[in-house]
Amino acid sequence: MEHRYKKRFQFSLDVTVRGGDGSILYGRSCDISSEGMFIELNESVPIHTAVDVECSSCGYLPALVVHSGDRGIGVMFRATSLDEKEFLDQLLSGTLVEQVEHHSGRS
């Protein structure tokens, strides 16, 4: 049985996952919480891999892969700076998502 401490929200946005080894993967987020995100990917990423999750070129959050499966990866955010925490707050409030969708022509 899975235990979640923070509420997850539906969150569908194109993301780029950058590995410390220079690898770049493109995926789509499914949900988000203040602690992490699930990202649909066509490739697997080893558990415990440190990555940066970039959301439509608006910013990025450092994260750690905690789940990897056929559908994608689950990451736990490691936001430590004030800028990273503010970026995460914007993602959770929906403010940043609305700005990205507006600029990309989505409604």
N, C-alpha and C. Protein backbone atom coordinates (compact mmCIF):
# COMPACT_ATOMS: atom_id res chain seq x y z
N MET A 1 0.83 -1.18 0.00
CA MET A 1 0.00 0.00 0.00
C MET A 1 0.88 1.25 0.00
N GLU A 2 0.53 2.19 -0.86
CA GLU A 2 1.31 3.40 -1.00
C GLU A 2 0.82 4.48 -0.04
N HIS A 3 1.74 5.18 0.62
CA HIS A 3 1.38 6.24 1.54
C HIS A 3 1.85 7.57 0.97
N ARG A 4 0.94 8.50 0.84
CA ARG A 4 1.28 9.83 0.38
C ARG A 4 0.99 10.80 1.50
N TYR A 5 1.93 11.71 1.74
CA TYR A 5 1.77 12.68 2.80
C TYR A 5 1.25 14.01 2.28
N LYS A 6 1.42 14.26 0.99
CA LYS A 6 0.97 15.51 0.38
C LYS A 6 -0.03 15.20 -0.73
N LYS A 7 -1.03 16.05 -0.87
CA LYS A 7 -2.04 15.87 -1.90
C LYS A 7 -1.41 16.08 -3.28
N ARG A 8 -1.78 15.20 -4.22
CA ARG A 8 -1.31 15.33 -5.59
C ARG A 8 -2.39 15.99 -6.43
N PHE A 9 -1.94 16.79 -7.40
CA PHE A 9 -2.83 17.49 -8.31
C PHE A 9 -2.54 17.04 -9.74
N GLN A 10 -3.62 16.91 -10.55
CA GLN A 10 -3.43 16.63 -11.97
C GLN A 10 -2.61 17.78 -12.54
N PHE A 11 -1.61 17.44 -13.33
CA PHE A 11 -0.68 18.45 -13.83
C PHE A 11 -0.09 17.92 -15.12
N SER A 12 -0.56 18.41 -16.25
CA SER A 12 -0.11 17.91 -17.54
C SER A 12 0.66 19.01 -18.26
N LEU A 13 1.97 18.82 -18.37
CA LEU A 13 2.84 19.82 -18.99
C LEU A 13 4.05 19.10 -19.56
N ASP A 14 4.54 19.57 -20.70
CA ASP A 14 5.76 19.01 -21.26
C ASP A 14 6.93 19.30 -20.33
N VAL A 15 7.75 18.29 -20.08
CA VAL A 15 8.93 18.46 -19.22
C VAL A 15 10.15 17.85 -19.88
N THR A 16 11.30 18.36 -19.48
CA THR A 16 12.59 17.83 -19.91
C THR A 16 13.29 17.32 -18.66
N VAL A 17 13.79 16.11 -18.72
CA VAL A 17 14.51 15.51 -17.60
C VAL A 17 15.98 15.45 -17.99
N ARG A 18 16.80 16.16 -17.24
CA ARG A 18 18.24 16.24 -17.53
C ARG A 18 19.01 15.48 -16.46
N GLY A 19 19.79 14.50 -16.91
CA GLY A 19 20.60 13.72 -15.99
C GLY A 19 21.95 14.36 -15.77
N GLY A 20 22.60 14.03 -14.68
CA GLY A 20 23.92 14.56 -14.37
C GLY A 20 24.98 14.14 -15.37
N ASP A 21 24.69 13.07 -16.13
CA ASP A 21 25.64 12.58 -17.13
C ASP A 21 25.45 13.28 -18.48
N GLY A 22 24.56 14.29 -18.53
CA GLY A 22 24.32 15.01 -19.78
C GLY A 22 23.16 14.46 -20.59
N SER A 23 22.55 13.36 -20.13
CA SER A 23 21.42 12.79 -20.87
C SER A 23 20.21 13.72 -20.78
N ILE A 24 19.41 13.72 -21.84
CA ILE A 24 18.21 14.55 -21.90
C ILE A 24 17.05 13.68 -22.37
N LEU A 25 15.98 13.65 -21.60
CA LEU A 25 14.77 12.91 -21.96
C LEU A 25 13.59 13.87 -21.95
N TYR A 26 12.65 13.64 -22.86
CA TYR A 26 11.46 14.48 -22.96
C TYR A 26 10.24 13.67 -22.56
N GLY A 27 9.40 14.26 -21.72
CA GLY A 27 8.22 13.55 -21.26
C GLY A 27 7.09 14.52 -20.97
N ARG A 28 6.10 14.00 -20.27
CA ARG A 28 4.93 14.79 -19.91
C ARG A 28 4.56 14.47 -18.46
N SER A 29 4.36 15.51 -17.68
CA SER A 29 3.98 15.30 -16.29
C SER A 29 2.54 14.82 -16.21
N CYS A 30 2.24 14.05 -15.19
CA CYS A 30 0.87 13.55 -14.95
C CYS A 30 0.26 14.18 -13.71
N ASP A 31 1.06 14.25 -12.66
CA ASP A 31 0.60 14.85 -11.42
C ASP A 31 1.77 15.45 -10.67
N ILE A 32 1.42 16.28 -9.69
CA ILE A 32 2.46 16.98 -8.93
C ILE A 32 1.98 17.16 -7.49
N SER A 33 2.92 17.20 -6.58
CA SER A 33 2.65 17.57 -5.19
C SER A 33 3.82 18.44 -4.75
N SER A 34 3.77 18.91 -3.53
CA SER A 34 4.89 19.72 -3.05
C SER A 34 6.15 18.89 -2.85
N GLU A 35 6.01 17.57 -2.92
CA GLU A 35 7.16 16.68 -2.72
C GLU A 35 7.69 16.04 -3.99
N GLY A 36 6.86 15.98 -5.06
CA GLY A 36 7.34 15.29 -6.25
C GLY A 36 6.38 15.34 -7.41
N MET A 37 6.70 14.55 -8.44
CA MET A 37 5.96 14.55 -9.69
C MET A 37 6.09 13.19 -10.35
N PHE A 38 5.04 12.78 -11.09
CA PHE A 38 5.15 11.60 -11.94
C PHE A 38 5.26 12.08 -13.38
N ILE A 39 6.23 11.53 -14.11
CA ILE A 39 6.51 11.95 -15.49
C ILE A 39 6.43 10.75 -16.41
N GLU A 40 5.58 10.85 -17.42
CA GLU A 40 5.50 9.80 -18.44
C GLU A 40 6.72 9.92 -19.34
N LEU A 41 7.45 8.81 -19.48
CA LEU A 41 8.64 8.75 -20.34
C LEU A 41 8.62 7.46 -21.13
N ASN A 42 9.27 7.46 -22.28
CA ASN A 42 9.39 6.24 -23.07
C ASN A 42 10.63 5.43 -22.69
N GLU A 43 11.46 5.99 -21.83
CA GLU A 43 12.68 5.31 -21.39
C GLU A 43 12.69 5.22 -19.87
N SER A 44 13.39 4.23 -19.36
CA SER A 44 13.50 4.10 -17.91
C SER A 44 14.73 4.86 -17.42
N VAL A 45 14.68 5.25 -16.17
CA VAL A 45 15.79 5.93 -15.51
C VAL A 45 16.02 5.20 -14.21
N PRO A 46 17.25 4.84 -13.90
CA PRO A 46 17.51 4.10 -12.66
C PRO A 46 17.06 4.86 -11.41
N ILE A 47 16.52 4.12 -10.46
CA ILE A 47 16.15 4.69 -9.16
C ILE A 47 17.41 5.27 -8.51
N HIS A 48 17.25 6.34 -7.77
CA HIS A 48 18.31 7.08 -7.07
C HIS A 48 19.16 7.93 -8.01
N THR A 49 18.70 8.13 -9.25
CA THR A 49 19.41 9.01 -10.17
C THR A 49 19.02 10.46 -9.87
N ALA A 50 20.01 11.33 -9.74
CA ALA A 50 19.75 12.76 -9.56
C ALA A 50 19.47 13.37 -10.93
N VAL A 51 18.38 14.12 -11.02
CA VAL A 51 17.99 14.75 -12.29
C VAL A 51 17.53 16.19 -12.02
N ASP A 52 17.46 16.97 -13.09
CA ASP A 52 16.80 18.26 -13.06
C ASP A 52 15.56 18.13 -13.92
N VAL A 53 14.42 18.56 -13.40
CA VAL A 53 13.15 18.53 -14.12
C VAL A 53 12.85 19.95 -14.58
N GLU A 54 12.88 20.14 -15.89
CA GLU A 54 12.62 21.46 -16.48
C GLU A 54 11.21 21.48 -17.03
N CYS A 55 10.45 22.50 -16.66
CA CYS A 55 9.06 22.63 -17.09
C CYS A 55 8.93 23.69 -18.16
N SER A 56 8.84 23.26 -19.41
CA SER A 56 8.62 24.15 -20.54
C SER A 56 9.51 25.38 -20.54
N SER A 57 10.76 25.20 -20.22
CA SER A 57 11.76 26.28 -20.24
C SER A 57 11.46 27.44 -19.31
N CYS A 58 10.58 27.23 -18.33
CA CYS A 58 10.25 28.29 -17.36
C CYS A 58 11.11 28.21 -16.12
N GLY A 59 11.75 27.11 -15.92
CA GLY A 59 12.56 26.90 -14.73
C GLY A 59 12.75 25.42 -14.51
N TYR A 60 13.53 25.09 -13.51
CA TYR A 60 13.76 23.67 -13.23
C TYR A 60 13.84 23.44 -11.73
N LEU A 61 13.65 22.16 -11.39
CA LEU A 61 13.77 21.74 -10.00
C LEU A 61 14.68 20.52 -9.93
N PRO A 62 15.64 20.53 -9.01
CA PRO A 62 16.44 19.33 -8.81
C PRO A 62 15.57 18.25 -8.17
N ALA A 63 15.78 17.01 -8.59
CA ALA A 63 14.95 15.92 -8.08
C ALA A 63 15.75 14.63 -8.04
N LEU A 64 15.17 13.64 -7.38
CA LEU A 64 15.76 12.31 -7.28
C LEU A 64 14.72 11.31 -7.76
N VAL A 65 15.11 10.40 -8.65
CA VAL A 65 14.19 9.38 -9.15
C VAL A 65 13.94 8.37 -8.02
N VAL A 66 12.67 8.22 -7.63
CA VAL A 66 12.31 7.29 -6.56
C VAL A 66 11.46 6.13 -7.06
N HIS A 67 10.98 6.23 -8.30
CA HIS A 67 10.20 5.16 -8.92
C HIS A 67 10.49 5.17 -10.41
N SER A 68 10.67 4.00 -10.99
CA SER A 68 10.89 3.88 -12.43
C SER A 68 10.15 2.65 -12.91
N GLY A 69 9.31 2.84 -13.93
CA GLY A 69 8.51 1.74 -14.44
C GLY A 69 8.23 1.89 -15.92
N ASP A 70 7.34 1.05 -16.42
CA ASP A 70 7.01 1.06 -17.84
C ASP A 70 6.38 2.37 -18.30
N ARG A 71 5.61 3.01 -17.43
CA ARG A 71 4.91 4.24 -17.81
C ARG A 71 5.75 5.50 -17.63
N GLY A 72 6.76 5.44 -16.77
CA GLY A 72 7.56 6.63 -16.54
C GLY A 72 8.26 6.59 -15.20
N ILE A 73 8.55 7.78 -14.67
CA ILE A 73 9.30 7.88 -13.42
C ILE A 73 8.57 8.76 -12.40
N GLY A 74 8.79 8.44 -11.15
CA GLY A 74 8.35 9.28 -10.05
C GLY A 74 9.58 9.94 -9.47
N VAL A 75 9.52 11.26 -9.31
CA VAL A 75 10.66 11.97 -8.75
C VAL A 75 10.27 12.68 -7.46
N MET A 76 11.23 12.78 -6.57
CA MET A 76 11.06 13.54 -5.33
C MET A 76 11.89 14.81 -5.49
N PHE A 77 11.25 15.97 -5.29
CA PHE A 77 11.95 17.23 -5.44
C PHE A 77 12.98 17.42 -4.33
N ARG A 78 14.08 18.07 -4.69
CA ARG A 78 15.13 18.40 -3.73
C ARG A 78 15.36 19.90 -3.72
N ALA A 79 14.28 20.67 -3.85
CA ALA A 79 14.38 22.13 -3.91
C ALA A 79 14.90 22.66 -2.58
N THR A 80 15.98 23.40 -2.65
CA THR A 80 16.57 23.92 -1.43
C THR A 80 16.71 25.44 -1.45
N SER A 81 16.89 26.04 -2.62
CA SER A 81 17.06 27.49 -2.67
C SER A 81 15.69 28.17 -2.63
N LEU A 82 15.68 29.42 -2.28
CA LEU A 82 14.44 30.20 -2.24
C LEU A 82 13.81 30.27 -3.63
N ASP A 83 14.62 30.46 -4.67
CA ASP A 83 14.11 30.51 -6.04
C ASP A 83 13.43 29.20 -6.43
N GLU A 84 14.04 28.07 -6.07
CA GLU A 84 13.46 26.76 -6.39
C GLU A 84 12.14 26.56 -5.65
N LYS A 85 12.08 26.96 -4.39
CA LYS A 85 10.85 26.82 -3.62
C LYS A 85 9.75 27.72 -4.17
N GLU A 86 10.10 28.93 -4.60
CA GLU A 86 9.12 29.84 -5.19
C GLU A 86 8.61 29.28 -6.52
N PHE A 87 9.50 28.69 -7.31
CA PHE A 87 9.11 28.08 -8.58
C PHE A 87 8.12 26.93 -8.33
N LEU A 88 8.41 26.10 -7.34
CA LEU A 88 7.51 25.00 -7.00
C LEU A 88 6.15 25.54 -6.52
N ASP A 89 6.16 26.58 -5.71
CA ASP A 89 4.90 27.19 -5.27
C ASP A 89 4.08 27.69 -6.45
N GLN A 90 4.75 28.28 -7.45
CA GLN A 90 4.05 28.76 -8.65
C GLN A 90 3.45 27.59 -9.42
N LEU A 91 4.18 26.48 -9.53
CA LEU A 91 3.65 25.30 -10.21
C LEU A 91 2.41 24.78 -9.48
N LEU A 92 2.47 24.70 -8.16
CA LEU A 92 1.36 24.16 -7.38
C LEU A 92 0.14 25.08 -7.38
N SER A 93 0.37 26.37 -7.47
CA SER A 93 -0.76 27.31 -7.46
C SER A 93 -1.45 27.38 -8.81
N GLY A 94 -0.79 26.87 -9.86
CA GLY A 94 -1.37 26.93 -11.19
C GLY A 94 -1.01 28.19 -11.94
N THR A 95 -0.41 29.15 -11.27
CA THR A 95 -0.05 30.42 -11.90
C THR A 95 0.90 30.21 -13.06
N LEU A 96 1.92 29.44 -12.84
CA LEU A 96 2.92 29.22 -13.89
C LEU A 96 2.34 28.40 -15.03
N VAL A 97 1.51 27.43 -14.73
CA VAL A 97 0.91 26.59 -15.77
C VAL A 97 0.06 27.45 -16.69
N GLU A 98 -0.72 28.37 -16.11
CA GLU A 98 -1.55 29.26 -16.92
C GLU A 98 -0.68 30.12 -17.82
N GLN A 99 0.45 30.62 -17.32
CA GLN A 99 1.34 31.46 -18.12
C GLN A 99 1.94 30.65 -19.27
N VAL A 100 2.38 29.43 -19.00
CA VAL A 100 2.98 28.58 -20.03
C VAL A 100 1.95 28.25 -21.10
N GLU A 101 0.73 27.86 -20.70
CA GLU A 101 -0.29 27.51 -21.67
C GLU A 101 -0.69 28.72 -22.50
N HIS A 102 -0.72 29.90 -21.91
CA HIS A 102 -1.05 31.11 -22.64
C HIS A 102 0.00 31.40 -23.70
N HIS A 103 1.28 31.30 -23.34
CA HIS A 103 2.36 31.59 -24.27
C HIS A 103 2.51 30.54 -25.35
N SER A 104 2.10 29.30 -25.07
CA SER A 104 2.24 28.24 -26.07
C SER A 104 0.99 28.13 -26.96
N GLY A 105 -0.03 28.94 -26.67
CA GLY A 105 -1.24 28.92 -27.49
C GLY A 105 -2.24 27.89 -27.07
N ARG A 106 -2.01 27.20 -25.96
CA ARG A 106 -2.97 26.20 -25.45
C ARG A 106 -4.04 26.91 -24.65
N SER A 107 -5.21 26.31 -24.59
CA SER A 107 -6.26 26.91 -23.76
C SER A 107 -6.88 25.88 -22.85
